[in-house]
Amino acid sequence: MQKTEILDKIKTTGIVPVIRAENAESAIKITEAVKAGGINVIEITMTVPGAIEVIAQLTDRYRDQDEIVVGAGSVLDAETAINVILAGAQFVVGPALNREMITAVNRYQKPVIPGAMTPTEVVTALEAGADVVKIFPAALFGPKIIKAIKGPIPQAKLLPTGGVNHNNVREWIEAGSFAVGAGSAIVKGAAEGDYSAVEKSASRFVELIAEVRGNN
């Protein structure tokens, strides 16, 4: 899948589930539940034990299916970025701004989404070659941070992550977010082995995003 197609998939879906799990098996089950709930983009974080192997397994499983895009999250450096891409990751997300990581991902022509908090960091990320900028931790500011940044930097594609849930996702989208990232609001049911709850939460996010976009 080409870079522009991956970015279009993320934008169209409107949400990137941030998958953290205690083990590889749970991460795969969460992915399947999220997919069943109608979300076709997932982010496996490097905090998952054996994360690179999980990415490789998922990309192999869905190799012939265009409906799901597997990305890597919590990527801190260029070396890890290269490893996850070679394992099959279609996009790379970082919690902070690391120029070497951005350069490495661009070398492989995959979407790169570094983290930032301030307008200065957003501009620096764009200048370094970021395709989308992850606003993190978004909960510190709320949806108003999106409008505040896009006022002077309207070209920035912003993906707020941290604190996004069913109650406020409408506000994040309405504020001008390219898409949102959500972790615990989607995956929390998995801690008790309730993957049906994960599916229902994913489905609810899909419904809410479709409703707000349909009204705009």
C-alpha atoms as a PDB file:
ATOM      1  CA  MET A   1       0.000   0.000   0.000  1.00  0.00           C
ATOM      2  CA  GLN A   2       1.358   3.413  -0.979  1.00  0.00           C
ATOM      3  CA  LYS A   3       2.022   6.167   1.558  1.00  0.00           C
ATOM      4  CA  THR A   4      -0.866   8.326   0.359  1.00  0.00           C
ATOM      5  CA  GLU A   5      -3.233   5.362   0.570  1.00  0.00           C
ATOM      6  CA  ILE A   6      -2.216   4.665   4.163  1.00  0.00           C
ATOM      7  CA  LEU A   7      -2.735   8.296   5.155  1.00  0.00           C
ATOM      8  CA  ASP A   8      -6.136   8.294   3.435  1.00  0.00           C
ATOM      9  CA  LYS A   9      -7.058   5.144   5.352  1.00  0.00           C
ATOM     10  CA  ILE A  10      -6.130   6.763   8.674  1.00  0.00           C
ATOM     11  CA  LYS A  11      -8.060   9.926   7.842  1.00  0.00           C
ATOM     12  CA  THR A  12     -11.128   8.057   6.608  1.00  0.00           C
ATOM     13  CA  THR A  13     -11.179   5.759   9.632  1.00  0.00           C
ATOM     14  CA  GLY A  14     -10.755   8.759  11.914  1.00  0.00           C
ATOM     15  CA  ILE A  15      -9.237   6.835  14.813  1.00  0.00           C
ATOM     16  CA  VAL A  16      -6.037   4.938  15.557  1.00  0.00           C
ATOM     17  CA  PRO A  17      -6.444   2.449  18.424  1.00  0.00           C
ATOM     18  CA  VAL A  18      -3.318   2.506  20.575  1.00  0.00           C
ATOM     19  CA  ILE A  19      -2.862  -1.105  21.577  1.00  0.00           C
ATOM     20  CA  ARG A  20      -1.053  -1.824  24.825  1.00  0.00           C
ATOM     21  CA  ALA A  21      -1.275  -5.309  26.278  1.00  0.00           C
ATOM     22  CA  GLU A  22       0.412  -7.552  28.814  1.00  0.00           C
ATOM     23  CA  ASN A  23       1.409 -10.102  26.191  1.00  0.00           C
ATOM     24  CA  ALA A  24       1.442 -10.806  22.476  1.00  0.00           C
ATOM     25  CA  GLU A  25      -1.602 -13.050  22.574  1.00  0.00           C
ATOM     26  CA  SER A  26      -3.742 -10.338  24.137  1.00  0.00           C
ATOM     27  CA  ALA A  27      -2.494  -7.753  21.619  1.00  0.00           C
ATOM     28  CA  ILE A  28      -3.576  -9.991  18.747  1.00  0.00           C
ATOM     29  CA  LYS A  29      -6.987 -10.639  20.326  1.00  0.00           C
ATOM     30  CA  ILE A  30      -7.470  -6.879  20.848  1.00  0.00           C
ATOM     31  CA  THR A  31      -6.585  -6.280  17.202  1.00  0.00           C
ATOM     32  CA  GLU A  32      -9.153  -8.821  16.065  1.00  0.00           C
ATOM     33  CA  ALA A  33     -11.817  -7.291  18.335  1.00  0.00           C
ATOM     34  CA  VAL A  34     -11.054  -3.773  17.096  1.00  0.00           C
ATOM     35  CA  LYS A  35     -11.264  -4.985  13.503  1.00  0.00           C
ATOM     36  CA  ALA A  36     -14.593  -6.687  14.225  1.00  0.00           C
ATOM     37  CA  GLY A  37     -15.799  -3.370  15.635  1.00  0.00           C
ATOM     38  CA  GLY A  38     -15.189  -1.664  12.303  1.00  0.00           C
ATOM     39  CA  ILE A  39     -11.798  -0.013  12.790  1.00  0.00           C
ATOM     40  CA  ASN A  40      -9.298  -0.945  10.094  1.00  0.00           C
ATOM     41  CA  VAL A  41      -6.221   0.852  11.451  1.00  0.00           C
ATOM     42  CA  ILE A  42      -4.282  -0.324  14.507  1.00  0.00           C
ATOM     43  CA  GLU A  43      -1.139   0.743  16.340  1.00  0.00           C
ATOM     44  CA  ILE A  44       0.882  -1.893  18.191  1.00  0.00           C
ATOM     45  CA  THR A  45       3.023  -0.109  20.755  1.00  0.00           C
ATOM     46  CA  MET A  46       6.584  -1.084  21.548  1.00  0.00           C
ATOM     47  CA  THR A  47       5.525  -1.563  25.172  1.00  0.00           C
ATOM     48  CA  VAL A  48       3.818  -4.829  24.174  1.00  0.00           C
ATOM     49  CA  PRO A  49       6.165  -7.766  24.913  1.00  0.00           C
ATOM     50  CA  GLY A  50       7.388  -9.094  21.564  1.00  0.00           C
ATOM     51  CA  ALA A  51       5.818  -6.148  19.742  1.00  0.00           C
ATOM     52  CA  ILE A  52       7.897  -6.549  16.595  1.00  0.00           C
ATOM     53  CA  GLU A  53       6.901 -10.206  16.315  1.00  0.00           C
ATOM     54  CA  VAL A  54       3.257  -9.231  16.828  1.00  0.00           C
ATOM     55  CA  ILE A  55       3.497  -6.726  13.984  1.00  0.00           C
ATOM     56  CA  ALA A  56       5.108  -9.338  11.744  1.00  0.00           C
ATOM     57  CA  GLN A  57       2.413 -11.881  12.576  1.00  0.00           C
ATOM     58  CA  LEU A  58      -0.449  -9.462  11.966  1.00  0.00           C
ATOM     59  CA  THR A  59       0.922  -8.113   8.692  1.00  0.00           C
ATOM     60  CA  ASP A  60       1.439 -11.681   7.483  1.00  0.00           C
ATOM     61  CA  ARG A  61      -2.086 -12.670   8.538  1.00  0.00           C
ATOM     62  CA  TYR A  62      -3.669  -9.757   6.700  1.00  0.00           C
ATOM     63  CA  ARG A  63      -1.169  -9.575   3.849  1.00  0.00           C
ATOM     64  CA  ASP A  64      -3.819 -10.154   1.177  1.00  0.00           C
ATOM     65  CA  GLN A  65      -6.425  -7.924   2.806  1.00  0.00           C
ATOM     66  CA  ASP A  66      -6.361  -4.187   2.226  1.00  0.00           C
ATOM     67  CA  GLU A  67      -8.929  -3.436   4.920  1.00  0.00           C
ATOM     68  CA  ILE A  68      -6.477  -3.358   7.829  1.00  0.00           C
ATOM     69  CA  VAL A  69      -3.350  -1.255   8.264  1.00  0.00           C
ATOM     70  CA  VAL A  70      -0.896  -2.220  11.009  1.00  0.00           C
ATOM     71  CA  GLY A  71       1.358   0.460  12.460  1.00  0.00           C
ATOM     72  CA  ALA A  72       3.899   0.703  15.272  1.00  0.00           C
ATOM     73  CA  GLY A  73       3.668   3.069  18.237  1.00  0.00           C
ATOM     74  CA  SER A  74       5.873   4.323  21.067  1.00  0.00           C
ATOM     75  CA  VAL A  75       8.827   4.307  18.667  1.00  0.00           C
ATOM     76  CA  LEU A  76      11.634   6.332  20.220  1.00  0.00           C
ATOM     77  CA  ASP A  77      14.509   6.096  17.763  1.00  0.00           C
ATOM     78  CA  ALA A  78      15.601   5.396  14.205  1.00  0.00           C
ATOM     79  CA  GLU A  79      16.797   1.855  14.904  1.00  0.00           C
ATOM     80  CA  THR A  80      13.424   0.760  16.241  1.00  0.00           C
ATOM     81  CA  ALA A  81      11.659   2.508  13.373  1.00  0.00           C
ATOM     82  CA  ILE A  82      13.663   0.545  10.822  1.00  0.00           C
ATOM     83  CA  ASN A  83      13.037  -2.739  12.643  1.00  0.00           C
ATOM     84  CA  VAL A  84       9.264  -2.279  12.788  1.00  0.00           C
ATOM     85  CA  ILE A  85       9.096  -1.301   9.124  1.00  0.00           C
ATOM     86  CA  LEU A  86      11.094  -4.372   8.129  1.00  0.00           C
ATOM     87  CA  ALA A  87       8.643  -6.413  10.224  1.00  0.00           C
ATOM     88  CA  GLY A  88       5.782  -4.980   8.171  1.00  0.00           C
ATOM     89  CA  ALA A  89       4.593  -1.827   9.954  1.00  0.00           C
ATOM     90  CA  GLN A  90       2.800   0.489   7.536  1.00  0.00           C
ATOM     91  CA  PHE A  91       3.158   3.625   9.642  1.00  0.00           C
ATOM     92  CA  VAL A  92       5.246   4.696  12.635  1.00  0.00           C
ATOM     93  CA  VAL A  93       4.154   6.759  15.636  1.00  0.00           C
ATOM     94  CA  GLY A  94       6.357   8.270  18.341  1.00  0.00           C
ATOM     95  CA  PRO A  95       5.484   9.901  21.671  1.00  0.00           C
ATOM     96  CA  ALA A  96       8.089  12.626  21.146  1.00  0.00           C
ATOM     97  CA  LEU A  97       9.904  14.517  18.408  1.00  0.00           C
ATOM     98  CA  ASN A  98      12.974  12.650  17.175  1.00  0.00           C
ATOM     99  CA  ARG A  99      14.446  13.870  13.902  1.00  0.00           C
ATOM    100  CA  GLU A 100      16.459  10.696  13.278  1.00  0.00           C
ATOM    101  CA  MET A 101      13.325   8.587  13.609  1.00  0.00           C
ATOM    102  CA  ILE A 102      11.480  10.793  11.117  1.00  0.00           C
ATOM    103  CA  THR A 103      14.358  10.598   8.638  1.00  0.00           C
ATOM    104  CA  ALA A 104      14.534   6.811   8.918  1.00  0.00           C
ATOM    105  CA  VAL A 105      10.812   6.341   8.284  1.00  0.00           C
ATOM    106  CA  ASN A 106      10.842   8.735   5.339  1.00  0.00           C
ATOM    107  CA  ARG A 107      13.672   6.714   3.843  1.00  0.00           C
ATOM    108  CA  TYR A 108      11.223   3.817   3.571  1.00  0.00           C
ATOM    109  CA  GLN A 109       8.383   6.069   2.371  1.00  0.00           C
ATOM    110  CA  LYS A 110       6.022   5.199   5.214  1.00  0.00           C
ATOM    111  CA  PRO A 111       3.840   7.721   7.078  1.00  0.00           C
ATOM    112  CA  VAL A 112       5.581   9.031  10.183  1.00  0.00           C
ATOM    113  CA  ILE A 113       3.704  10.567  13.110  1.00  0.00           C
ATOM    114  CA  PRO A 114       6.004  12.014  15.792  1.00  0.00           C
ATOM    115  CA  GLY A 115       4.703  13.449  19.039  1.00  0.00           C
ATOM    116  CA  ALA A 116       4.599  17.153  19.894  1.00  0.00           C
ATOM    117  CA  MET A 117       2.922  19.458  22.371  1.00  0.00           C
ATOM    118  CA  THR A 118       3.747  23.038  21.408  1.00  0.00           C
ATOM    119  CA  PRO A 119       3.428  25.032  18.163  1.00  0.00           C
ATOM    120  CA  THR A 120       7.227  25.156  17.991  1.00  0.00           C
ATOM    121  CA  GLU A 121       7.439  21.372  18.161  1.00  0.00           C
ATOM    122  CA  VAL A 122       4.690  21.008  15.557  1.00  0.00           C
ATOM    123  CA  VAL A 123       6.535  23.263  13.104  1.00  0.00           C
ATOM    124  CA  THR A 124       9.830  21.502  13.836  1.00  0.00           C
ATOM    125  CA  ALA A 125       8.181  18.144  13.173  1.00  0.00           C
ATOM    126  CA  LEU A 126       6.751  19.358   9.858  1.00  0.00           C
ATOM    127  CA  GLU A 127      10.109  20.766   8.792  1.00  0.00           C
ATOM    128  CA  ALA A 128      11.733  17.440   9.654  1.00  0.00           C
ATOM    129  CA  GLY A 129       9.317  15.593   7.363  1.00  0.00           C
ATOM    130  CA  ALA A 130       6.410  14.494   9.553  1.00  0.00           C
ATOM    131  CA  ASP A 131       3.245  13.553   7.672  1.00  0.00           C
ATOM    132  CA  VAL A 132       0.982  13.929  10.703  1.00  0.00           C
ATOM    133  CA  VAL A 133       1.821  15.256  14.160  1.00  0.00           C
ATOM    134  CA  LYS A 134       0.611  13.467  17.271  1.00  0.00           C
ATOM    135  CA  ILE A 135      -0.500  15.972  19.921  1.00  0.00           C
ATOM    136  CA  PHE A 136       0.449  14.272  23.180  1.00  0.00           C
ATOM    137  CA  PRO A 137      -0.606  14.209  25.938  1.00  0.00           C
ATOM    138  CA  ALA A 138      -3.736  15.812  24.517  1.00  0.00           C
ATOM    139  CA  ALA A 139      -5.661  15.550  27.796  1.00  0.00           C
ATOM    140  CA  LEU A 140      -3.565  18.354  29.265  1.00  0.00           C
ATOM    141  CA  PHE A 141      -5.256  20.890  26.992  1.00  0.00           C
ATOM    142  CA  GLY A 142      -8.446  19.406  25.587  1.00  0.00           C
ATOM    143  CA  PRO A 143      -9.813  19.957  22.051  1.00  0.00           C
ATOM    144  CA  LYS A 144      -9.087  23.684  22.186  1.00  0.00           C
ATOM    145  CA  ILE A 145      -5.405  22.923  21.553  1.00  0.00           C
ATOM    146  CA  ILE A 146      -6.243  21.720  18.030  1.00  0.00           C
ATOM    147  CA  LYS A 147      -7.935  24.978  17.054  1.00  0.00           C
ATOM    148  CA  ALA A 148      -5.185  26.975  18.748  1.00  0.00           C
ATOM    149  CA  ILE A 149      -2.444  25.274  16.744  1.00  0.00           C
ATOM    150  CA  LYS A 150      -4.309  25.146  13.440  1.00  0.00           C
ATOM    151  CA  GLY A 151      -5.031  28.876  13.639  1.00  0.00           C
ATOM    152  CA  PRO A 152      -1.456  29.897  12.710  1.00  0.00           C
ATOM    153  CA  ILE A 153      -0.523  26.478  11.234  1.00  0.00           C
ATOM    154  CA  PRO A 154      -3.620  25.398   9.253  1.00  0.00           C
ATOM    155  CA  GLN A 155      -1.637  22.975   7.083  1.00  0.00           C
ATOM    156  CA  ALA A 156      -0.722  20.783  10.054  1.00  0.00           C
ATOM    157  CA  LYS A 157      -2.429  17.402  10.237  1.00  0.00           C
ATOM    158  CA  LEU A 158      -2.931  16.757  13.942  1.00  0.00           C
ATOM    159  CA  LEU A 159      -3.700  13.505  15.729  1.00  0.00           C
ATOM    160  CA  PRO A 160      -4.518  14.086  19.419  1.00  0.00           C
ATOM    161  CA  THR A 161      -3.804  11.150  21.715  1.00  0.00           C
ATOM    162  CA  GLY A 162      -4.298  10.814  25.450  1.00  0.00           C
ATOM    163  CA  GLY A 163      -7.682  11.237  27.079  1.00  0.00           C
ATOM    164  CA  VAL A 164      -9.777  10.718  23.933  1.00  0.00           C
ATOM    165  CA  ASN A 165     -12.965   8.817  24.772  1.00  0.00           C
ATOM    166  CA  HIS A 166     -16.590   8.350  23.715  1.00  0.00           C
ATOM    167  CA  ASN A 167     -17.646  11.482  25.575  1.00  0.00           C
ATOM    168  CA  ASN A 168     -15.259  13.893  23.865  1.00  0.00           C
ATOM    169  CA  VAL A 169     -14.339  12.373  20.491  1.00  0.00           C
ATOM    170  CA  ARG A 170     -16.926  14.577  18.785  1.00  0.00           C
ATOM    171  CA  GLU A 171     -15.191  17.686  20.107  1.00  0.00           C
ATOM    172  CA  TRP A 172     -11.788  16.504  18.932  1.00  0.00           C
ATOM    173  CA  ILE A 173     -13.047  15.881  15.412  1.00  0.00           C
ATOM    174  CA  GLU A 174     -15.015  19.128  15.298  1.00  0.00           C
ATOM    175  CA  ALA A 175     -11.911  21.035  16.389  1.00  0.00           C
ATOM    176  CA  GLY A 176     -10.177  19.968  13.163  1.00  0.00           C
ATOM    177  CA  SER A 177      -8.260  16.801  14.074  1.00  0.00           C
ATOM    178  CA  PHE A 178      -6.972  14.742  11.140  1.00  0.00           C
ATOM    179  CA  ALA A 179      -7.893  11.701  13.259  1.00  0.00           C
ATOM    180  CA  VAL A 180      -7.638  10.766  16.930  1.00  0.00           C
ATOM    181  CA  GLY A 181      -5.680   8.193  18.876  1.00  0.00           C
ATOM    182  CA  ALA A 182      -7.370   6.250  21.678  1.00  0.00           C
ATOM    183  CA  GLY A 183      -5.945   3.666  24.015  1.00  0.00           C
ATOM    184  CA  SER A 184      -7.610   2.748  27.308  1.00  0.00           C
ATOM    185  CA  ALA A 185     -11.029   3.921  26.113  1.00  0.00           C
ATOM    186  CA  ILE A 186     -10.941   1.072  23.591  1.00  0.00           C
ATOM    187  CA  VAL A 187      -8.813  -1.685  25.108  1.00  0.00           C
ATOM    188  CA  LYS A 188      -9.678  -1.559  28.830  1.00  0.00           C
ATOM    189  CA  GLY A 189     -12.068  -4.519  28.566  1.00  0.00           C
ATOM    190  CA  ALA A 190      -9.167  -6.741  27.542  1.00  0.00           C
ATOM    191  CA  ALA A 191      -7.680  -6.546  31.037  1.00  0.00           C
ATOM    192  CA  GLU A 192     -10.540  -8.782  32.204  1.00  0.00           C
ATOM    193  CA  GLY A 193     -10.502 -10.876  29.060  1.00  0.00           C
ATOM    194  CA  ASP A 194     -13.662  -9.185  27.791  1.00  0.00           C
ATOM    195  CA  TYR A 195     -12.823  -8.723  24.130  1.00  0.00           C
ATOM    196  CA  SER A 196     -16.485  -8.240  23.242  1.00  0.00           C
ATOM    197  CA  ALA A 197     -16.277  -4.994  25.230  1.00  0.00           C
ATOM    198  CA  VAL A 198     -13.305  -3.970  23.085  1.00  0.00           C
ATOM    199  CA  GLU A 199     -15.332  -4.653  19.951  1.00  0.00           C
ATOM    200  CA  LYS A 200     -18.306  -2.666  21.259  1.00  0.00           C
ATOM    201  CA  SER A 201     -16.129   0.273  22.233  1.00  0.00           C
ATOM    202  CA  ALA A 202     -14.477   0.304  18.813  1.00  0.00           C
ATOM    203  CA  SER A 203     -17.876   0.170  17.134  1.00  0.00           C
ATOM    204  CA  ARG A 204     -19.115   3.078  19.239  1.00  0.00           C
ATOM    205  CA  PHE A 205     -16.137   5.207  18.214  1.00  0.00           C
ATOM    206  CA  VAL A 206     -16.879   4.449  14.568  1.00  0.00           C
ATOM    207  CA  GLU A 207     -20.497   5.536  15.040  1.00  0.00           C
ATOM    208  CA  LEU A 208     -19.616   8.770  16.840  1.00  0.00           C
ATOM    209  CA  ILE A 209     -16.996   9.827  14.296  1.00  0.00           C
ATOM    210  CA  ALA A 210     -19.342   9.078  11.400  1.00  0.00           C
ATOM    211  CA  GLU A 211     -22.096  11.123  13.052  1.00  0.00           C
ATOM    212  CA  VAL A 212     -19.979  14.218  13.608  1.00  0.00           C
ATOM    213  CA  ARG A 213     -18.437  14.077  10.142  1.00  0.00           C
ATOM    214  CA  GLY A 214     -21.843  13.590   8.595  1.00  0.00           C
ATOM    215  CA  ASN A 215     -23.065  16.767  10.281  1.00  0.00           C
ATOM    216  CA  ASN A 216     -20.160  18.893   9.068  1.00  0.00           C
END
